[in-house]
């Protein structure tokens, strides 16, 4: 299950890990104009862990999800 909320300066998606036995804490993804953050509660420390991706890193991550292992560099159409 997931939720989508539109705030003033960001879109917030929350992924809820549901089922018979929850596997992990909820994940909150917040998309701003200049970056995307991913947050999840660490139950061992009772602190929220946060990772911030630049837009370029996010594009590379999206591309990487469909590629076999290896080393890659994205080329934008304007680079050709």
Protein backbone atom coordinates (compact mmCIF):
# COMPACT_ATOMS: atom_id res chain seq x y z
CA UNK A 1 0.00 0.00 0.00
CA UNK A 2 1.17 3.55 -0.57
CA UNK A 3 -0.06 7.11 -0.21
CA UNK A 4 0.62 10.22 -2.30
CA UNK A 5 0.30 13.74 -0.91
CA UNK A 6 1.04 17.04 -2.61
CA UNK A 7 2.50 19.65 -0.26
CA UNK A 8 3.32 23.26 -1.07
CA UNK A 9 6.90 22.54 -2.20
CA UNK A 10 7.03 18.74 -2.57
CA UNK A 11 5.26 15.52 -3.42
CA UNK A 12 5.36 12.94 -0.62
CA UNK A 13 4.97 9.21 -1.26
CA UNK A 14 4.78 6.83 1.71
CA UNK A 15 5.31 3.11 1.12
CA UNK A 16 3.65 0.93 3.75
CA UNK A 17 5.07 -2.57 4.18
CA UNK A 18 1.96 -4.56 4.99
CA UNK A 19 1.05 -8.22 5.10
CA UNK A 20 0.92 -10.99 7.65
CA UNK A 21 4.38 -10.15 8.99
CA UNK A 22 5.59 -6.59 8.32
CA UNK A 23 9.10 -6.73 6.93
CA UNK A 24 10.34 -3.16 7.35
CA UNK A 25 9.25 0.23 8.62
CA UNK A 26 7.36 2.57 6.29
CA UNK A 27 9.46 4.45 3.72
CA UNK A 28 8.75 8.12 2.98
CA UNK A 29 9.97 9.58 -0.32
CA UNK A 30 9.80 13.35 -0.68
CA UNK A 31 10.37 14.87 -4.13
CA UNK A 32 11.43 18.51 -4.19
CA UNK A 33 12.37 20.55 -7.26
CA UNK A 34 16.12 20.11 -6.66
CA UNK A 35 16.37 16.77 -4.82
CA UNK A 36 14.58 13.68 -3.52
CA UNK A 37 14.83 12.38 0.04
CA UNK A 38 14.16 8.85 1.29
CA UNK A 39 13.46 8.37 5.00
CA UNK A 40 12.87 5.29 7.16
CA UNK A 41 12.71 4.74 10.91
CA UNK A 42 15.53 2.54 12.21
CA UNK A 43 13.85 0.58 15.04
CA UNK A 44 17.24 -0.39 16.52
CA UNK A 45 18.15 3.24 17.23
CA UNK A 46 14.62 4.73 17.16
CA UNK A 47 15.95 7.40 14.77
CA UNK A 48 14.88 8.28 11.25
CA UNK A 49 17.57 7.59 8.65
CA UNK A 50 17.56 9.98 5.69
CA UNK A 51 19.23 9.78 2.27
CA UNK A 52 19.19 12.72 -0.17
CA UNK A 53 19.55 12.18 -3.92
CA UNK A 54 20.35 14.93 -6.39
CA UNK A 55 18.20 14.86 -9.52
CA UNK A 56 21.21 13.51 -11.49
CA UNK A 57 21.68 10.67 -8.99
CA UNK A 58 17.98 9.85 -9.21
CA UNK A 59 18.16 9.66 -13.02
CA UNK A 60 21.15 7.32 -12.76
CA UNK A 61 19.34 5.15 -10.22
CA UNK A 62 16.29 4.90 -12.48
CA UNK A 63 18.49 3.88 -15.42
CA UNK A 64 20.42 1.37 -13.31
CA UNK A 65 17.30 -0.55 -12.37
CA UNK A 66 16.99 -1.87 -15.94
CA UNK A 67 20.65 -2.61 -16.71
CA UNK A 68 22.89 -5.65 -16.11
CA UNK A 69 25.90 -5.31 -13.82
CA UNK A 70 28.69 -3.10 -15.12
CA UNK A 71 29.96 0.49 -15.09
CA UNK A 72 27.92 3.11 -16.93
CA UNK A 73 27.76 6.84 -17.58
CA UNK A 74 24.50 8.45 -18.67
CA UNK A 75 24.73 10.68 -21.73
CA UNK A 76 22.09 13.32 -22.09
CA UNK A 77 20.81 13.98 -25.61
CA UNK A 78 22.52 17.40 -25.58
CA UNK A 79 25.90 15.62 -24.99
CA UNK A 80 25.85 13.89 -28.38
